[in-house]
Protein backbone atom coordinates (compact mmCIF):
# COMPACT_ATOMS: atom_id res chain seq x y z
CA MET A 1 -6.47 8.18 -23.21
CA SER A 2 -9.03 5.62 -22.06
CA GLN A 3 -11.09 7.63 -19.58
CA LYS A 4 -14.84 7.86 -19.16
CA ILE A 5 -16.31 11.29 -18.64
CA GLN A 6 -19.37 11.46 -16.43
CA ALA A 7 -22.02 14.17 -16.45
CA GLY A 8 -20.77 17.29 -14.74
CA GLY A 9 -17.26 16.92 -16.23
CA LYS A 10 -16.00 14.41 -13.65
CA HIS A 11 -13.38 11.96 -14.89
CA GLU A 12 -13.69 8.31 -13.95
CA PRO A 13 -10.31 6.56 -13.91
CA PRO A 14 -9.77 3.41 -15.97
CA ASP A 15 -11.10 0.24 -14.34
CA SER A 16 -7.71 -1.14 -13.34
CA LEU A 17 -7.04 1.91 -11.16
CA LEU A 18 -10.37 1.93 -9.30
CA GLU A 19 -9.20 -0.30 -6.46
CA ILE A 20 -5.99 1.68 -6.00
CA ARG A 21 -7.96 4.92 -6.13
CA LYS A 22 -10.06 3.67 -3.21
CA MET A 23 -6.85 2.99 -1.26
CA VAL A 24 -5.50 6.51 -1.70
CA ASN A 25 -8.75 8.48 -2.00
CA ALA A 26 -8.29 10.13 1.41
CA CYS A 27 -4.79 11.39 0.50
CA ILE A 28 -4.35 15.03 1.57
CA GLN A 29 -1.19 15.52 -0.51
CA CYS A 30 0.91 16.37 2.57
CA GLY A 31 4.10 14.81 1.15
CA THR A 32 4.92 12.70 4.21
CA CYS A 33 5.15 9.62 2.00
CA THR A 34 7.70 11.33 -0.24
CA GLY A 35 9.70 12.63 2.72
CA SER A 36 9.74 9.15 4.25
CA CYS A 37 10.67 7.21 1.12
CA PRO A 38 14.35 6.13 1.01
CA ASN A 39 14.10 5.67 -2.79
CA ALA A 40 12.33 8.93 -3.68
CA PHE A 41 15.58 10.45 -5.00
CA GLY A 42 15.60 7.96 -7.90
CA MET A 43 11.92 8.20 -8.80
CA ASP A 44 10.69 10.22 -11.75
CA PHE A 45 7.46 11.03 -9.87
CA THR A 46 7.46 11.35 -6.12
CA PRO A 47 5.01 9.06 -4.28
CA ARG A 48 2.81 12.09 -3.53
CA HIS A 49 2.73 12.97 -7.24
CA LEU A 50 1.98 9.33 -8.11
CA TRP A 51 -1.03 9.27 -5.78
CA ARG A 52 -2.30 12.45 -7.41
CA LEU A 53 -1.98 10.80 -10.83
CA VAL A 54 -3.90 7.78 -9.52
CA LEU A 55 -6.68 10.02 -8.21
CA MET A 56 -6.82 11.80 -11.57
CA GLY A 57 -6.90 8.48 -13.46
CA GLN A 58 -3.76 9.21 -15.49
CA LYS A 59 -3.02 5.57 -16.29
CA ASP A 60 -0.66 6.28 -19.19
CA GLU A 61 1.51 8.62 -17.11
CA ILE A 62 1.56 6.20 -14.17
CA PHE A 63 2.73 3.23 -16.20
CA LYS A 64 5.40 5.21 -18.06
CA SER A 65 6.84 6.03 -14.65
CA ARG A 66 9.52 4.03 -12.80
CA THR A 67 8.22 5.14 -9.38
CA PHE A 68 6.26 2.05 -8.34
CA GLY A 69 9.04 -0.21 -9.62
CA LEU A 70 11.54 1.45 -7.27
CA CYS A 71 9.39 0.94 -4.17
CA SER A 72 11.29 -1.38 -1.83
CA ALA A 73 8.21 -2.12 0.32
CA CYS A 74 9.79 -0.78 3.49
CA TYR A 75 6.34 0.36 4.73
CA TYR A 76 7.77 3.63 6.05
CA CYS A 77 5.29 5.70 4.01
CA THR A 78 2.38 3.62 5.32
CA LEU A 79 3.66 3.91 8.87
CA ARG A 80 4.06 7.69 8.75
CA CYS A 81 0.96 8.57 6.68
CA PRO A 82 -1.22 10.87 8.84
CA ARG A 83 -4.34 9.38 7.24
CA GLY A 84 -3.19 5.77 7.76
CA LEU A 85 -3.48 4.92 4.06
CA PRO A 86 -2.15 1.56 2.79
CA LEU A 87 0.38 3.18 0.47
CA THR A 88 2.75 0.21 0.21
CA GLU A 89 -0.16 -2.05 -0.75
CA ALA A 90 -1.16 0.52 -3.38
CA MET A 91 2.38 0.45 -4.83
CA TYR A 92 2.24 -3.35 -4.87
CA ALA A 93 -1.13 -3.23 -6.64
CA LEU A 94 0.41 -0.95 -9.30
CA LYS A 95 3.21 -3.50 -9.76
CA GLN A 96 0.63 -6.24 -10.22
CA ILE A 97 -1.26 -4.24 -12.86
CA ALA A 98 1.99 -3.43 -14.67
CA ALA A 99 2.91 -7.12 -14.70
CA ARG A 100 -0.54 -8.17 -15.89
CA GLU A 101 -0.61 -5.53 -18.63
CA LYS A 102 3.05 -6.12 -19.55
CA SER A 103 4.17 -2.54 -19.03
CA GLU A 104 7.36 -1.74 -20.98
CA VAL A 105 8.94 0.14 -18.07
CA PHE A 106 8.38 -2.76 -15.70
CA LYS A 107 9.51 -5.47 -18.14
CA THR A 108 13.17 -5.48 -17.00
CA GLY A 109 12.05 -5.75 -13.37
CA LEU A 110 9.90 -8.75 -14.23
CA CYS A 111 12.84 -10.37 -16.03
CA PHE A 112 15.02 -9.76 -13.00
CA TYR A 113 12.54 -11.26 -10.52
CA GLY A 114 11.64 -14.15 -12.81
CA ASN A 115 15.26 -15.17 -13.42
CA PHE A 116 16.10 -14.80 -9.73
CA LEU A 117 13.24 -17.10 -8.72
CA GLU A 118 14.10 -19.61 -11.45
CA SER A 119 17.67 -19.85 -10.15
CA VAL A 120 16.40 -20.36 -6.59
CA ARG A 121 13.92 -22.99 -7.78
CA LYS A 122 16.63 -24.96 -9.62
CA HIS A 123 19.45 -24.72 -7.07
CA GLY A 124 17.82 -24.06 -3.71
CA ARG A 125 19.49 -20.64 -3.61
CA VAL A 126 20.56 -18.12 -6.18
CA TRP A 127 23.54 -18.98 -8.36
CA GLU A 128 24.68 -15.48 -9.27
CA LEU A 129 26.53 -16.31 -12.48
CA GLU A 130 23.63 -18.22 -14.04
CA PHE A 131 21.08 -15.71 -12.74
CA MET A 132 22.80 -12.65 -14.19
CA SER A 133 23.56 -14.44 -17.48
CA MET A 134 19.89 -15.39 -17.86
CA TYR A 135 18.86 -11.85 -16.99
CA PHE A 136 21.22 -10.23 -19.50
CA ILE A 137 20.00 -12.57 -22.25
CA ALA A 138 16.33 -11.92 -21.40
CA VAL A 139 16.73 -8.14 -21.40
CA LYS A 140 18.35 -8.24 -24.87
CA ASN A 141 20.44 -5.14 -24.29
CA PRO A 142 24.15 -5.75 -24.98
CA LEU A 143 25.19 -2.64 -23.03
CA ILE A 144 23.83 -3.79 -19.66
CA PRO A 145 26.49 -6.50 -19.10
CA LEU A 146 29.21 -3.98 -19.92
CA ARG A 147 28.00 -1.71 -17.11
CA TYR A 148 28.48 -4.52 -14.60
CA SER A 149 31.68 -6.05 -15.97
CA SER A 150 34.07 -4.28 -13.57
CA LEU A 151 31.92 -5.33 -10.60
CA GLY A 152 31.81 -8.91 -11.87
CA LEU A 153 35.60 -9.05 -12.24
CA ARG A 154 36.11 -7.70 -8.71
CA LEU A 155 33.69 -10.27 -7.31
CA PHE A 156 35.50 -13.07 -9.16
CA GLY A 157 38.81 -11.79 -7.81
CA LYS A 158 37.45 -11.92 -4.25
CA ARG A 159 35.95 -15.38 -4.90
CA LYS A 160 32.42 -14.15 -4.29
CA LEU A 161 31.21 -15.59 -7.62
CA SER A 162 31.49 -19.24 -8.49
CA PHE A 163 31.48 -21.11 -11.79
CA ARG A 164 29.52 -23.89 -10.08
CA PRO A 165 26.22 -23.57 -8.19
CA HIS A 166 26.41 -23.48 -4.41
CA ALA A 167 25.46 -26.65 -2.58
CA ALA A 168 22.02 -26.26 -1.05
CA GLY A 169 20.03 -29.09 0.44
CA ARG A 170 16.31 -29.75 0.50
CA THR A 171 15.46 -28.38 -2.94
CA MET A 172 12.49 -30.75 -3.03
CA SER A 173 10.72 -28.73 -0.32
CA LEU A 174 11.32 -25.61 -2.38
CA GLU A 175 9.90 -27.35 -5.44
CA LYS A 176 6.70 -28.05 -3.49
CA LEU A 177 6.55 -24.41 -2.46
CA PHE A 178 7.00 -23.19 -6.04
CA SER A 179 4.38 -25.61 -7.41
CA LYS A 180 1.87 -24.57 -4.71
CA THR A 181 2.52 -20.89 -5.48
CA LYS A 182 2.02 -21.49 -9.21
CA GLU A 183 -1.21 -23.33 -8.46
CA LEU A 184 -2.47 -20.42 -6.34
CA GLU A 185 -1.49 -17.89 -9.00
CA GLU A 186 -3.48 -19.84 -11.61
CA THR A 187 -6.62 -19.77 -9.44
CA ILE A 188 -6.29 -15.99 -8.96
CA ARG A 189 -6.07 -15.33 -12.70
């Protein structure tokens, strides 16, 4: 574990967690965030447990977890927090660190978002067939498409999926938006 130990036995969390630790340092572990979260049932650590891990500097445990990846950014935890902590921003910061450090758990999420945005960039809106095909190829797990095959067949039967991309106008304005975003991302890094 990459932790520094200060005199007096205090643990200093790894550098990448310092900013997030400041965000949640006043957490009183009341559990309101967990009780408010609509996705807590699917998380391996509850949000309250995650904040405790952040305060303890347990970087390895945090980034093995799927918790921050399941956050849907509904802001309900932030709204209901009795201390007024920016919990949703802290979750987003964890996602950014996971992306920057190429966390294994978050890799499939990054593939999903990246392929979704690429489809939107090319066609002006998402073309589901191309998007999911690109995603399945990027993930390199042959069992994932099998899990979704019955859903795909039902959507084809109801004509909700198309073999051709949907017509969307003004893709040039989207191209400007994507290039400006890429430019801003490069200046941040």
